[in-house]
Amino acid sequence: MENITDLSLFLISSLLLIISPDPDFVYVINSGIEQGKIGISSVLGVALGLWIHSLLTTFGLSSLL
């Protein structure tokens, strides 16, 4: 039963982290509201950065960052 408790706490904390806004979200919303179509390029830039970081993590190089 201890594992069920740990799993439920993990799921709750993961959900809270997923739904909380982060700096990327705030940046994209701000640029979209203030500058219109620039928001789309902001989304693409943030997605590209996350993709590169994920790729580096896959190869074990993110610890260098």
PDB file of N, CA and C in Angstrom:
ATOM      1  N   MET A   1       0.812  -1.200   0.000  1.00  0.00           N
ATOM      2  CA  MET A   1       0.000   0.000   0.000  1.00  0.00           C
ATOM      3  C   MET A   1       0.854   1.261   0.000  1.00  0.00           C
ATOM      4  N   GLU A   2       2.083   1.149   0.402  1.00  0.00           N
ATOM      5  CA  GLU A   2       2.947   2.312   0.433  1.00  0.00           C
ATOM      6  C   GLU A   2       3.213   2.837  -0.979  1.00  0.00           C
ATOM      7  N   ASN A   3       3.303   1.935  -1.944  1.00  0.00           N
ATOM      8  CA  ASN A   3       3.542   2.338  -3.319  1.00  0.00           C
ATOM      9  C   ASN A   3       2.370   3.096  -3.913  1.00  0.00           C
ATOM     10  N   ILE A   4       1.151   2.725  -3.534  1.00  0.00           N
ATOM     11  CA  ILE A   4      -0.043   3.423  -4.012  1.00  0.00           C
ATOM     12  C   ILE A   4      -0.033   4.860  -3.498  1.00  0.00           C
ATOM     13  N   THR A   5       0.345   5.059  -2.253  1.00  0.00           N
ATOM     14  CA  THR A   5       0.418   6.401  -1.683  1.00  0.00           C
ATOM     15  C   THR A   5       1.483   7.223  -2.396  1.00  0.00           C
ATOM     16  N   ASP A   6       2.634   6.626  -2.637  1.00  0.00           N
ATOM     17  CA  ASP A   6       3.699   7.338  -3.342  1.00  0.00           C
ATOM     18  C   ASP A   6       3.273   7.696  -4.755  1.00  0.00           C
ATOM     19  N   LEU A   7       2.599   6.786  -5.422  1.00  0.00           N
ATOM     20  CA  LEU A   7       2.150   7.035  -6.777  1.00  0.00           C
ATOM     21  C   LEU A   7       1.123   8.157  -6.820  1.00  0.00           C
ATOM     22  N   SER A   8       0.200   8.150  -5.888  1.00  0.00           N
ATOM     23  CA  SER A   8      -0.827   9.196  -5.883  1.00  0.00           C
ATOM     24  C   SER A   8      -0.214  10.563  -5.580  1.00  0.00           C
ATOM     25  N   LEU A   9       0.736  10.620  -4.662  1.00  0.00           N
ATOM     26  CA  LEU A   9       1.414  11.889  -4.388  1.00  0.00           C
ATOM     27  C   LEU A   9       2.209  12.361  -5.603  1.00  0.00           C
ATOM     28  N   PHE A  10       2.846  11.442  -6.291  1.00  0.00           N
ATOM     29  CA  PHE A  10       3.582  11.790  -7.504  1.00  0.00           C
ATOM     30  C   PHE A  10       2.646  12.327  -8.575  1.00  0.00           C
ATOM     31  N   LEU A  11       1.507  11.669  -8.774  1.00  0.00           N
ATOM     32  CA  LEU A  11       0.559  12.109  -9.791  1.00  0.00           C
ATOM     33  C   LEU A  11      -0.025  13.477  -9.471  1.00  0.00           C
ATOM     34  N   ILE A  12      -0.340  13.726  -8.205  1.00  0.00           N
ATOM     35  CA  ILE A  12      -0.885  15.021  -7.815  1.00  0.00           C
ATOM     36  C   ILE A  12       0.150  16.130  -8.009  1.00  0.00           C
ATOM     37  N   SER A  13       1.380  15.882  -7.580  1.00  0.00           N
ATOM     38  CA  SER A  13       2.414  16.910  -7.741  1.00  0.00           C
ATOM     39  C   SER A  13       2.752  17.125  -9.213  1.00  0.00           C
ATOM     40  N   SER A  14       2.729  16.074 -10.016  1.00  0.00           N
ATOM     41  CA  SER A  14       2.970  16.217 -11.455  1.00  0.00           C
ATOM     42  C   SER A  14       1.872  17.048 -12.110  1.00  0.00           C
ATOM     43  N   LEU A  15       0.639  16.798 -11.741  1.00  0.00           N
ATOM     44  CA  LEU A  15      -0.476  17.559 -12.289  1.00  0.00           C
ATOM     45  C   LEU A  15      -0.359  19.038 -11.934  1.00  0.00           C
ATOM     46  N   LEU A  16       0.014  19.331 -10.706  1.00  0.00           N
ATOM     47  CA  LEU A  16       0.179  20.728 -10.302  1.00  0.00           C
ATOM     48  C   LEU A  16       1.300  21.412 -11.078  1.00  0.00           C
ATOM     49  N   LEU A  17       2.372  20.693 -11.331  1.00  0.00           N
ATOM     50  CA  LEU A  17       3.460  21.266 -12.118  1.00  0.00           C
ATOM     51  C   LEU A  17       3.055  21.467 -13.574  1.00  0.00           C
ATOM     52  N   ILE A  18       2.247  20.579 -14.102  1.00  0.00           N
ATOM     53  CA  ILE A  18       1.836  20.685 -15.502  1.00  0.00           C
ATOM     54  C   ILE A  18       0.905  21.869 -15.711  1.00  0.00           C
ATOM     55  N   ILE A  19      -0.023  22.108 -14.785  1.00  0.00           N
ATOM     56  CA  ILE A  19      -1.012  23.169 -15.002  1.00  0.00           C
ATOM     57  C   ILE A  19      -0.527  24.541 -14.562  1.00  0.00           C
ATOM     58  N   SER A  20       0.595  24.617 -13.872  1.00  0.00           N
ATOM     59  CA  SER A  20       1.085  25.935 -13.451  1.00  0.00           C
ATOM     60  C   SER A  20       1.816  26.616 -14.610  1.00  0.00           C
ATOM     61  N   PRO A  21       1.573  27.914 -14.796  1.00  0.00           N
ATOM     62  CA  PRO A  21       2.249  28.611 -15.893  1.00  0.00           C
ATOM     63  C   PRO A  21       3.736  28.796 -15.594  1.00  0.00           C
ATOM     64  N   ASP A  22       4.539  28.628 -16.609  1.00  0.00           N
ATOM     65  CA  ASP A  22       5.973  28.817 -16.456  1.00  0.00           C
ATOM     66  C   ASP A  22       6.397  30.051 -17.257  1.00  0.00           C
ATOM     67  N   PRO A  23       7.645  30.436 -17.197  1.00  0.00           N
ATOM     68  CA  PRO A  23       8.084  31.632 -17.920  1.00  0.00           C
ATOM     69  C   PRO A  23       7.876  31.550 -19.433  1.00  0.00           C
ATOM     70  N   ASP A  24       7.992  30.359 -20.018  1.00  0.00           N
ATOM     71  CA  ASP A  24       7.749  30.223 -21.457  1.00  0.00           C
ATOM     72  C   ASP A  24       6.307  30.571 -21.797  1.00  0.00           C
ATOM     73  N   PHE A  25       5.395  30.079 -21.000  1.00  0.00           N
ATOM     74  CA  PHE A  25       3.969  30.341 -21.216  1.00  0.00           C
ATOM     75  C   PHE A  25       3.681  31.832 -21.125  1.00  0.00           C
ATOM     76  N   VAL A  26       4.217  32.470 -20.103  1.00  0.00           N
ATOM     77  CA  VAL A  26       3.992  33.898 -19.909  1.00  0.00           C
ATOM     78  C   VAL A  26       4.589  34.698 -21.068  1.00  0.00           C
ATOM     79  N   TYR A  27       5.771  34.318 -21.535  1.00  0.00           N
ATOM     80  CA  TYR A  27       6.413  34.998 -22.658  1.00  0.00           C
ATOM     81  C   TYR A  27       5.575  34.873 -23.927  1.00  0.00           C
ATOM     82  N   VAL A  28       5.088  33.678 -24.225  1.00  0.00           N
ATOM     83  CA  VAL A  28       4.303  33.463 -25.436  1.00  0.00           C
ATOM     84  C   VAL A  28       2.990  34.231 -25.370  1.00  0.00           C
ATOM     85  N   ILE A  29       2.326  34.211 -24.236  1.00  0.00           N
ATOM     86  CA  ILE A  29       1.064  34.941 -24.091  1.00  0.00           C
ATOM     87  C   ILE A  29       1.302  36.441 -24.244  1.00  0.00           C
ATOM     88  N   ASN A  30       2.346  36.967 -23.597  1.00  0.00           N
ATOM     89  CA  ASN A  30       2.650  38.398 -23.703  1.00  0.00           C
ATOM     90  C   ASN A  30       2.961  38.806 -25.136  1.00  0.00           C
ATOM     91  N   SER A  31       3.811  38.061 -25.811  1.00  0.00           N
ATOM     92  CA  SER A  31       4.164  38.436 -27.181  1.00  0.00           C
ATOM     93  C   SER A  31       2.972  38.275 -28.117  1.00  0.00           C
ATOM     94  N   GLY A  32       2.122  37.314 -27.859  1.00  0.00           N
ATOM     95  CA  GLY A  32       0.924  37.141 -28.682  1.00  0.00           C
ATOM     96  C   GLY A  32      -0.071  38.260 -28.497  1.00  0.00           C
ATOM     97  N   ILE A  33      -0.238  38.721 -27.276  1.00  0.00           N
ATOM     98  CA  ILE A  33      -1.188  39.804 -27.005  1.00  0.00           C
ATOM     99  C   ILE A  33      -0.648  41.139 -27.513  1.00  0.00           C
ATOM    100  N   GLU A  34       0.621  41.411 -27.248  1.00  0.00           N
ATOM    101  CA  GLU A  34       1.187  42.711 -27.586  1.00  0.00           C
ATOM    102  C   GLU A  34       1.523  42.854 -29.065  1.00  0.00           C
ATOM    103  N   GLN A  35       2.018  41.787 -29.701  1.00  0.00           N
ATOM    104  CA  GLN A  35       2.541  41.937 -31.051  1.00  0.00           C
ATOM    105  C   GLN A  35       1.847  41.052 -32.083  1.00  0.00           C
ATOM    106  N   GLY A  36       0.781  40.392 -31.716  1.00  0.00           N
ATOM    107  CA  GLY A  36      -0.003  39.627 -32.682  1.00  0.00           C
ATOM    108  C   GLY A  36       0.704  38.405 -33.229  1.00  0.00           C
ATOM    109  N   LYS A  37       1.052  38.454 -34.523  1.00  0.00           N
ATOM    110  CA  LYS A  37       1.603  37.283 -35.201  1.00  0.00           C
ATOM    111  C   LYS A  37       3.001  36.904 -34.704  1.00  0.00           C
ATOM    112  N   ILE A  38       3.655  37.784 -33.991  1.00  0.00           N
ATOM    113  CA  ILE A  38       4.961  37.462 -33.415  1.00  0.00           C
ATOM    114  C   ILE A  38       4.819  36.324 -32.390  1.00  0.00           C
ATOM    115  N   GLY A  39       3.630  36.158 -31.821  1.00  0.00           N
ATOM    116  CA  GLY A  39       3.384  35.087 -30.865  1.00  0.00           C
ATOM    117  C   GLY A  39       3.622  33.714 -31.468  1.00  0.00           C
ATOM    118  N   ILE A  40       3.321  33.556 -32.753  1.00  0.00           N
ATOM    119  CA  ILE A  40       3.534  32.266 -33.416  1.00  0.00           C
ATOM    120  C   ILE A  40       5.019  31.958 -33.504  1.00  0.00           C
ATOM    121  N   SER A  41       5.826  32.956 -33.855  1.00  0.00           N
ATOM    122  CA  SER A  41       7.272  32.714 -33.907  1.00  0.00           C
ATOM    123  C   SER A  41       7.832  32.493 -32.505  1.00  0.00           C
ATOM    124  N   SER A  42       7.206  33.086 -31.508  1.00  0.00           N
ATOM    125  CA  SER A  42       7.619  32.835 -30.122  1.00  0.00           C
ATOM    126  C   SER A  42       7.374  31.387 -29.743  1.00  0.00           C
ATOM    127  N   VAL A  43       6.230  30.867 -30.135  1.00  0.00           N
ATOM    128  CA  VAL A  43       5.904  29.464 -29.860  1.00  0.00           C
ATOM    129  C   VAL A  43       6.904  28.552 -30.545  1.00  0.00           C
ATOM    130  N   LEU A  44       7.214  28.851 -31.808  1.00  0.00           N
ATOM    131  CA  LEU A  44       8.166  28.018 -32.541  1.00  0.00           C
ATOM    132  C   LEU A  44       9.556  28.084 -31.918  1.00  0.00           C
ATOM    133  N   GLY A  45       9.966  29.260 -31.458  1.00  0.00           N
ATOM    134  CA  GLY A  45      11.271  29.398 -30.813  1.00  0.00           C
ATOM    135  C   GLY A  45      11.361  28.632 -29.505  1.00  0.00           C
ATOM    136  N   VAL A  46      10.309  28.724 -28.713  1.00  0.00           N
ATOM    137  CA  VAL A  46      10.287  27.995 -27.441  1.00  0.00           C
ATOM    138  C   VAL A  46      10.269  26.485 -27.703  1.00  0.00           C
ATOM    139  N   ALA A  47       9.474  26.051 -28.667  1.00  0.00           N
ATOM    140  CA  ALA A  47       9.408  24.625 -28.988  1.00  0.00           C
ATOM    141  C   ALA A  47      10.750  24.117 -29.503  1.00  0.00           C
ATOM    142  N   LEU A  48      11.426  24.911 -30.319  1.00  0.00           N
ATOM    143  CA  LEU A  48      12.736  24.509 -30.830  1.00  0.00           C
ATOM    144  C   LEU A  48      13.749  24.399 -29.690  1.00  0.00           C
ATOM    145  N   GLY A  49      13.713  25.357 -28.773  1.00  0.00           N
ATOM    146  CA  GLY A  49      14.613  25.292 -27.626  1.00  0.00           C
ATOM    147  C   GLY A  49      14.368  24.072 -26.758  1.00  0.00           C
ATOM    148  N   LEU A  50      13.108  23.759 -26.522  1.00  0.00           N
ATOM    149  CA  LEU A  50      12.776  22.574 -25.729  1.00  0.00           C
ATOM    150  C   LEU A  50      13.185  21.295 -26.454  1.00  0.00           C
ATOM    151  N   TRP A  51      13.021  21.282 -27.779  1.00  0.00           N
ATOM    152  CA  TRP A  51      13.404  20.113 -28.563  1.00  0.00           C
ATOM    153  C   TRP A  51      14.911  19.885 -28.501  1.00  0.00           C
ATOM    154  N   ILE A  52      15.684  20.963 -28.639  1.00  0.00           N
ATOM    155  CA  ILE A  52      17.145  20.845 -28.573  1.00  0.00           C
ATOM    156  C   ILE A  52      17.579  20.374 -27.184  1.00  0.00           C
ATOM    157  N   HIS A  53      16.963  20.935 -26.154  1.00  0.00           N
ATOM    158  CA  HIS A  53      17.314  20.519 -24.797  1.00  0.00           C
ATOM    159  C   HIS A  53      16.961  19.049 -24.567  1.00  0.00           C
ATOM    160  N   SER A  54      15.827  18.609 -25.092  1.00  0.00           N
ATOM    161  CA  SER A  54      15.444  17.201 -24.968  1.00  0.00           C
ATOM    162  C   SER A  54      16.403  16.299 -25.725  1.00  0.00           C
ATOM    163  N   LEU A  55      16.846  16.746 -26.878  1.00  0.00           N
ATOM    164  CA  LEU A  55      17.810  15.981 -27.650  1.00  0.00           C
ATOM    165  C   LEU A  55      19.130  15.848 -26.899  1.00  0.00           C
ATOM    166  N   LEU A  56      19.587  16.937 -26.302  1.00  0.00           N
ATOM    167  CA  LEU A  56      20.825  16.884 -25.512  1.00  0.00           C
ATOM    168  C   LEU A  56      20.661  15.968 -24.302  1.00  0.00           C
ATOM    169  N   THR A  57      19.472  16.001 -23.702  1.00  0.00           N
ATOM    170  CA  THR A  57      19.207  15.125 -22.556  1.00  0.00           C
ATOM    171  C   THR A  57      19.256  13.666 -22.977  1.00  0.00           C
ATOM    172  N   THR A  58      18.735  13.379 -24.161  1.00  0.00           N
ATOM    173  CA  THR A  58      18.750  12.007 -24.665  1.00  0.00           C
ATOM    174  C   THR A  58      20.173  11.478 -24.791  1.00  0.00           C
ATOM    175  N   PHE A  59      21.078  12.319 -25.205  1.00  0.00           N
ATOM    176  CA  PHE A  59      22.459  11.909 -25.371  1.00  0.00           C
ATOM    177  C   PHE A  59      23.284  12.087 -24.097  1.00  0.00           C
ATOM    178  N   GLY A  60      22.660  12.517 -23.012  1.00  0.00           N
ATOM    179  CA  GLY A  60      23.341  12.642 -21.745  1.00  0.00           C
ATOM    180  C   GLY A  60      24.199  13.895 -21.639  1.00  0.00           C
ATOM    181  N   LEU A  61      23.950  14.882 -22.458  1.00  0.00           N
ATOM    182  CA  LEU A  61      24.759  16.090 -22.462  1.00  0.00           C
ATOM    183  C   LEU A  61      24.120  17.268 -21.724  1.00  0.00           C
ATOM    184  N   SER A  62      22.900  17.112 -21.226  1.00  0.00           N
ATOM    185  CA  SER A  62      22.240  18.244 -20.586  1.00  0.00           C
ATOM    186  C   SER A  62      22.905  18.643 -19.276  1.00  0.00           C
ATOM    187  N   SER A  63      23.662  17.749 -18.681  1.00  0.00           N
ATOM    188  CA  SER A  63      24.355  18.100 -17.435  1.00  0.00           C
ATOM    189  C   SER A  63      25.436  19.152 -17.699  1.00  0.00           C
ATOM    190  N   LEU A  64      25.899  19.253 -18.930  1.00  0.00           N
ATOM    191  CA  LEU A  64      26.878  20.279 -19.272  1.00  0.00           C
ATOM    192  C   LEU A  64      26.266  21.670 -19.297  1.00  0.00           C
ATOM    193  N   LEU A  65      24.952  21.737 -19.571  1.00  0.00           N
ATOM    194  CA  LEU A  65      24.285  23.018 -19.574  1.00  0.00           C
ATOM    195  C   LEU A  65      24.059  23.489 -18.175  1.00  0.00           C
TER     196      LEU A  65
END
